[in-house]
Amino acid sequence: MSVSVSVSLSLSSFINEEQNALLMTGSDDGIVRFWRNYDNENATELISSWRALNDLPLSARGSGLVTEWQQRKGNLIVSGDVRVLRVWDLEREMCVQVRKRKRLEKFFNPNIIKKKI
């Protein structure tokens, strides 16, 4: 028996915009993907992808995957319709911090993230 699951693109944004820009996409299943040469259809290359957020509920009404890119630190903050916020170090492709949220609310407050990771 085969089960088919459909996911939608939740976000797309550019990172490292000033040099070697990459296109980051995220889908409502919690997976982020990073693309190089996105402006050339014949040369587009997927350079990395991983599940940045587990247990993201598939919902037509939810926010899906939500991210914030911190250029100076090289961190990607991810959350969505879950009570957790994850901070990823993109150079190492490693989750360096997990924060629990008390409520499902806006979370991109710089005071939430610890200064030293």
N, C-alpha and C. Protein backbone atom coordinates (compact mmCIF):
# COMPACT_ATOMS: atom_id res chain seq x y z
N MET A 1 0.83 -1.17 0.00
CA MET A 1 0.00 0.00 0.00
C MET A 1 0.88 1.25 0.00
N SER A 2 0.55 2.20 -0.80
CA SER A 2 1.32 3.43 -0.93
C SER A 2 0.50 4.60 -0.41
N VAL A 3 1.15 5.46 0.36
CA VAL A 3 0.48 6.64 0.89
C VAL A 3 1.14 7.86 0.28
N SER A 4 0.34 8.74 -0.25
CA SER A 4 0.85 9.96 -0.85
C SER A 4 0.54 11.15 0.05
N VAL A 5 1.54 11.95 0.34
CA VAL A 5 1.36 13.14 1.16
C VAL A 5 1.79 14.35 0.33
N SER A 6 0.96 15.35 0.32
CA SER A 6 1.26 16.57 -0.42
C SER A 6 1.71 17.65 0.55
N VAL A 7 2.82 18.30 0.24
CA VAL A 7 3.30 19.40 1.06
C VAL A 7 3.38 20.66 0.21
N SER A 8 3.32 21.79 0.87
CA SER A 8 3.36 23.08 0.17
C SER A 8 4.60 23.86 0.57
N LEU A 9 5.03 24.70 -0.32
CA LEU A 9 6.14 25.61 -0.04
C LEU A 9 5.65 26.66 0.94
N SER A 10 6.31 26.77 2.09
CA SER A 10 5.93 27.74 3.12
C SER A 10 6.69 29.05 2.97
N LEU A 11 7.92 28.97 2.46
CA LEU A 11 8.73 30.17 2.39
C LEU A 11 9.80 30.04 1.33
N SER A 12 10.25 31.17 0.90
CA SER A 12 11.46 31.24 0.06
C SER A 12 12.12 32.58 0.36
N SER A 13 13.43 32.55 0.51
CA SER A 13 14.16 33.78 0.78
C SER A 13 15.61 33.59 0.37
N PHE A 14 16.31 34.71 0.29
CA PHE A 14 17.72 34.68 -0.08
C PHE A 14 18.57 34.80 1.18
N ILE A 15 19.67 34.07 1.22
CA ILE A 15 20.63 34.23 2.30
C ILE A 15 21.99 34.50 1.68
N ASN A 16 22.88 35.11 2.43
CA ASN A 16 24.20 35.52 1.94
C ASN A 16 24.04 36.38 0.69
N GLU A 17 23.16 37.32 0.76
CA GLU A 17 22.78 38.10 -0.43
C GLU A 17 23.92 38.89 -1.05
N GLU A 18 24.91 39.27 -0.27
CA GLU A 18 25.96 40.13 -0.80
C GLU A 18 27.06 39.38 -1.51
N GLN A 19 27.24 38.10 -1.20
CA GLN A 19 28.21 37.29 -1.91
C GLN A 19 27.75 35.83 -1.88
N ASN A 20 27.84 35.19 -3.01
CA ASN A 20 27.43 33.78 -3.13
C ASN A 20 26.02 33.54 -2.60
N ALA A 21 25.08 34.34 -3.05
CA ALA A 21 23.71 34.23 -2.58
C ALA A 21 23.13 32.84 -2.84
N LEU A 22 22.34 32.38 -1.89
CA LEU A 22 21.64 31.11 -2.00
C LEU A 22 20.15 31.37 -1.86
N LEU A 23 19.37 30.53 -2.51
CA LEU A 23 17.93 30.57 -2.33
C LEU A 23 17.57 29.50 -1.31
N MET A 24 16.89 29.92 -0.25
CA MET A 24 16.44 28.98 0.75
C MET A 24 14.93 28.80 0.57
N THR A 25 14.49 27.56 0.53
CA THR A 25 13.07 27.27 0.51
C THR A 25 12.74 26.40 1.69
N GLY A 26 11.52 26.52 2.17
CA GLY A 26 11.04 25.70 3.27
C GLY A 26 9.65 25.23 2.96
N SER A 27 9.36 24.01 3.35
CA SER A 27 8.03 23.46 3.09
C SER A 27 7.32 23.17 4.41
N ASP A 28 6.02 23.00 4.32
CA ASP A 28 5.23 22.83 5.54
C ASP A 28 5.41 21.47 6.20
N ASP A 29 6.33 20.65 5.70
CA ASP A 29 6.71 19.42 6.40
C ASP A 29 7.97 19.63 7.24
N GLY A 30 8.48 20.88 7.29
CA GLY A 30 9.63 21.22 8.13
C GLY A 30 10.97 21.09 7.45
N ILE A 31 11.00 20.84 6.16
CA ILE A 31 12.27 20.66 5.44
C ILE A 31 12.71 21.97 4.81
N VAL A 32 13.99 22.32 5.02
CA VAL A 32 14.59 23.47 4.36
C VAL A 32 15.54 22.97 3.28
N ARG A 33 15.61 23.71 2.18
CA ARG A 33 16.49 23.36 1.07
C ARG A 33 17.25 24.62 0.65
N PHE A 34 18.50 24.41 0.24
CA PHE A 34 19.35 25.52 -0.17
C PHE A 34 19.82 25.27 -1.59
N TRP A 35 19.62 26.28 -2.44
CA TRP A 35 19.87 26.15 -3.87
C TRP A 35 20.93 27.16 -4.30
N ARG A 36 21.81 26.70 -5.19
CA ARG A 36 22.84 27.54 -5.81
C ARG A 36 22.46 27.68 -7.28
N ASN A 37 22.87 28.77 -7.90
CA ASN A 37 22.59 29.04 -9.33
C ASN A 37 21.10 29.00 -9.62
N TYR A 38 20.31 29.50 -8.69
CA TYR A 38 18.84 29.48 -8.81
C TYR A 38 18.33 30.33 -9.96
N ASP A 39 19.15 31.23 -10.48
CA ASP A 39 18.73 32.12 -11.56
C ASP A 39 19.01 31.53 -12.95
N ASN A 40 19.55 30.32 -13.00
CA ASN A 40 19.83 29.65 -14.26
C ASN A 40 19.17 28.27 -14.23
N GLU A 41 18.10 28.14 -14.96
CA GLU A 41 17.30 26.90 -14.95
C GLU A 41 18.13 25.65 -15.24
N ASN A 42 19.11 25.77 -16.10
CA ASN A 42 19.93 24.62 -16.48
C ASN A 42 21.07 24.32 -15.50
N ALA A 43 21.35 25.26 -14.59
CA ALA A 43 22.47 25.06 -13.67
C ALA A 43 22.05 25.03 -12.20
N THR A 44 20.75 25.11 -11.93
CA THR A 44 20.27 25.10 -10.55
C THR A 44 20.73 23.84 -9.85
N GLU A 45 21.26 24.03 -8.63
CA GLU A 45 21.83 22.90 -7.90
C GLU A 45 21.36 22.93 -6.44
N LEU A 46 20.79 21.83 -5.99
CA LEU A 46 20.44 21.66 -4.58
C LEU A 46 21.73 21.34 -3.84
N ILE A 47 22.13 22.21 -2.91
CA ILE A 47 23.42 21.97 -2.23
C ILE A 47 23.25 21.37 -0.84
N SER A 48 22.07 21.53 -0.24
CA SER A 48 21.84 20.94 1.07
C SER A 48 20.36 20.97 1.41
N SER A 49 19.94 20.02 2.22
CA SER A 49 18.57 20.03 2.73
C SER A 49 18.51 19.16 3.98
N TRP A 50 17.61 19.50 4.86
CA TRP A 50 17.38 18.69 6.06
C TRP A 50 16.05 19.09 6.69
N ARG A 51 15.59 18.26 7.62
CA ARG A 51 14.36 18.56 8.35
C ARG A 51 14.74 19.46 9.52
N ALA A 52 14.39 20.73 9.40
CA ALA A 52 14.75 21.72 10.41
C ALA A 52 13.79 21.71 11.59
N LEU A 53 12.59 21.19 11.37
CA LEU A 53 11.59 21.19 12.42
C LEU A 53 10.77 19.92 12.33
N ASN A 54 10.80 19.13 13.38
CA ASN A 54 10.00 17.91 13.44
C ASN A 54 8.60 18.23 13.95
N ASP A 55 7.69 17.34 13.72
CA ASP A 55 6.34 17.43 14.28
C ASP A 55 5.58 18.68 13.88
N LEU A 56 5.86 19.22 12.72
CA LEU A 56 5.11 20.36 12.24
C LEU A 56 3.80 19.84 11.67
N PRO A 57 2.66 20.24 12.24
CA PRO A 57 1.39 19.68 11.75
C PRO A 57 1.06 20.17 10.35
N LEU A 58 0.62 19.26 9.50
CA LEU A 58 0.17 19.63 8.16
C LEU A 58 -1.23 20.19 8.28
N SER A 59 -1.38 21.47 7.97
CA SER A 59 -2.65 22.14 8.15
C SER A 59 -2.81 23.20 7.09
N ALA A 60 -4.00 23.28 6.52
CA ALA A 60 -4.27 24.28 5.51
C ALA A 60 -4.36 25.68 6.12
N ARG A 61 -4.59 25.76 7.44
CA ARG A 61 -4.77 27.06 8.08
C ARG A 61 -3.55 27.51 8.87
N GLY A 62 -2.57 26.67 9.05
CA GLY A 62 -1.42 27.02 9.86
C GLY A 62 -0.42 27.88 9.13
N SER A 63 0.62 28.26 9.85
CA SER A 63 1.64 29.12 9.26
C SER A 63 2.71 28.33 8.53
N GLY A 64 2.74 27.00 8.70
CA GLY A 64 3.78 26.21 8.07
C GLY A 64 5.11 26.49 8.74
N LEU A 65 6.17 26.36 8.01
CA LEU A 65 7.51 26.62 8.52
C LEU A 65 7.77 28.12 8.45
N VAL A 66 8.30 28.68 9.55
CA VAL A 66 8.60 30.11 9.62
C VAL A 66 10.07 30.22 10.01
N THR A 67 10.81 31.10 9.33
CA THR A 67 12.25 31.21 9.60
C THR A 67 12.68 32.67 9.75
N GLU A 68 13.83 32.82 10.36
CA GLU A 68 14.52 34.11 10.45
C GLU A 68 16.00 33.83 10.23
N TRP A 69 16.62 34.49 9.28
CA TRP A 69 18.03 34.30 8.96
C TRP A 69 18.83 35.38 9.67
N GLN A 70 19.84 34.99 10.45
CA GLN A 70 20.74 35.93 11.12
C GLN A 70 22.09 35.90 10.40
N GLN A 71 22.27 36.84 9.49
CA GLN A 71 23.44 36.86 8.61
C GLN A 71 24.75 36.90 9.39
N ARG A 72 24.87 37.80 10.35
CA ARG A 72 26.16 37.96 11.07
C ARG A 72 26.55 36.71 11.84
N LYS A 73 25.59 36.01 12.41
CA LYS A 73 25.89 34.81 13.19
C LYS A 73 25.88 33.54 12.36
N GLY A 74 25.28 33.61 11.17
CA GLY A 74 25.15 32.41 10.36
C GLY A 74 24.13 31.44 10.91
N ASN A 75 23.14 31.97 11.63
CA ASN A 75 22.12 31.13 12.25
C ASN A 75 20.79 31.24 11.51
N LEU A 76 20.10 30.15 11.47
CA LEU A 76 18.74 30.11 10.96
C LEU A 76 17.83 29.71 12.11
N ILE A 77 16.86 30.57 12.43
CA ILE A 77 15.90 30.29 13.48
C ILE A 77 14.64 29.76 12.82
N VAL A 78 14.13 28.64 13.29
CA VAL A 78 12.93 28.04 12.70
C VAL A 78 11.89 27.75 13.76
N SER A 79 10.64 27.89 13.36
CA SER A 79 9.51 27.51 14.19
C SER A 79 8.31 27.43 13.27
N GLY A 80 7.15 27.43 13.85
CA GLY A 80 5.91 27.33 13.09
C GLY A 80 4.78 27.09 14.06
N ASP A 81 3.85 26.23 13.69
CA ASP A 81 2.70 25.92 14.54
C ASP A 81 3.06 24.85 15.56
N VAL A 82 4.15 25.07 16.25
CA VAL A 82 4.63 24.15 17.29
C VAL A 82 5.10 25.00 18.47
N ARG A 83 5.32 24.38 19.58
CA ARG A 83 5.75 25.11 20.77
C ARG A 83 7.26 25.03 20.97
N VAL A 84 7.99 24.98 19.90
CA VAL A 84 9.45 24.91 19.99
C VAL A 84 10.06 25.83 18.93
N LEU A 85 11.21 26.35 19.25
CA LEU A 85 11.98 27.19 18.36
C LEU A 85 13.37 26.57 18.28
N ARG A 86 13.89 26.36 17.08
CA ARG A 86 15.21 25.76 16.92
C ARG A 86 16.15 26.77 16.25
N VAL A 87 17.39 26.79 16.72
CA VAL A 87 18.41 27.64 16.13
C VAL A 87 19.43 26.72 15.47
N TRP A 88 19.64 26.91 14.17
CA TRP A 88 20.57 26.09 13.39
C TRP A 88 21.80 26.90 13.00
N ASP A 89 22.96 26.32 13.19
CA ASP A 89 24.21 26.87 12.69
C ASP A 89 24.34 26.33 11.27
N LEU A 90 24.21 27.20 10.28
CA LEU A 90 24.19 26.72 8.89
C LEU A 90 25.53 26.21 8.41
N GLU A 91 26.62 26.77 8.91
CA GLU A 91 27.92 26.29 8.48
C GLU A 91 28.13 24.83 8.88
N ARG A 92 27.69 24.49 10.08
CA ARG A 92 27.84 23.13 10.58
C ARG A 92 26.61 22.25 10.31
N GLU A 93 25.52 22.87 9.81
CA GLU A 93 24.26 22.17 9.59
C GLU A 93 23.85 21.40 10.84
N MET A 94 23.87 22.14 11.97
CA MET A 94 23.63 21.51 13.25
C MET A 94 22.71 22.41 14.09
N CYS A 95 21.77 21.78 14.76
CA CYS A 95 20.92 22.51 15.69
C CYS A 95 21.73 22.82 16.94
N VAL A 96 21.85 24.10 17.27
CA VAL A 96 22.68 24.50 18.40
C VAL A 96 21.86 24.97 19.60
N GLN A 97 20.55 25.11 19.41
CA GLN A 97 19.72 25.53 20.52
C GLN A 97 18.26 25.16 20.25
N VAL A 98 17.59 24.69 21.28
CA VAL A 98 16.15 24.42 21.21
C VAL A 98 15.50 25.17 22.37
N ARG A 99 14.53 25.97 22.05
CA ARG A 99 13.81 26.74 23.06
C ARG A 99 12.35 26.36 23.02
N LYS A 100 11.76 26.11 24.17
CA LYS A 100 10.33 25.85 24.25
C LYS A 100 9.61 27.17 24.40
N ARG A 101 8.50 27.28 23.70
CA ARG A 101 7.68 28.49 23.80
C ARG A 101 6.43 28.15 24.61
N LYS A 102 6.02 29.08 25.44
CA LYS A 102 4.83 28.84 26.27
C LYS A 102 3.56 28.97 25.45
N ARG A 103 3.56 29.87 24.52
CA ARG A 103 2.38 30.11 23.70
C ARG A 103 2.77 30.14 22.24
N LEU A 104 1.81 29.87 21.38
CA LEU A 104 2.03 30.03 19.95
C LEU A 104 1.83 31.51 19.64
N GLU A 105 2.91 32.23 19.53
CA GLU A 105 2.86 33.66 19.32
C GLU A 105 4.07 34.07 18.48
N LYS A 106 4.15 35.33 18.20
CA LYS A 106 5.34 35.83 17.49
C LYS A 106 6.57 35.47 18.28
N PHE A 107 7.60 35.01 17.60
CA PHE A 107 8.78 34.55 18.32
C PHE A 107 10.07 35.18 17.86
N PHE A 108 10.07 36.01 16.85
CA PHE A 108 11.32 36.57 16.37
C PHE A 108 11.70 37.82 17.15
N ASN A 109 11.91 37.61 18.43
CA ASN A 109 12.34 38.65 19.33
C ASN A 109 13.81 38.38 19.64
N PRO A 110 14.71 39.32 19.37
CA PRO A 110 16.13 39.05 19.59
C PRO A 110 16.47 38.70 21.03
N ASN A 111 15.62 39.05 21.98
CA ASN A 111 15.88 38.73 23.38
C ASN A 111 15.63 37.27 23.69
N ILE A 112 14.96 36.54 22.82
CA ILE A 112 14.68 35.12 23.05
C ILE A 112 15.94 34.29 22.90
N ILE A 113 16.79 34.65 21.95
CA ILE A 113 17.97 33.85 21.65
C ILE A 113 19.11 34.24 22.59
N LYS A 114 19.75 33.24 23.16
CA LYS A 114 20.88 33.51 24.05
C LYS A 114 21.99 34.19 23.26
N LYS A 115 22.70 35.07 23.89
CA LYS A 115 23.76 35.81 23.22
C LYS A 115 24.89 34.91 22.76
N LYS A 116 25.27 33.95 23.58
CA LYS A 116 26.40 33.09 23.24
C LYS A 116 25.91 31.70 22.96
N ILE A 117 26.20 31.21 21.77
CA ILE A 117 25.79 29.86 21.38
C ILE A 117 27.01 28.99 21.26
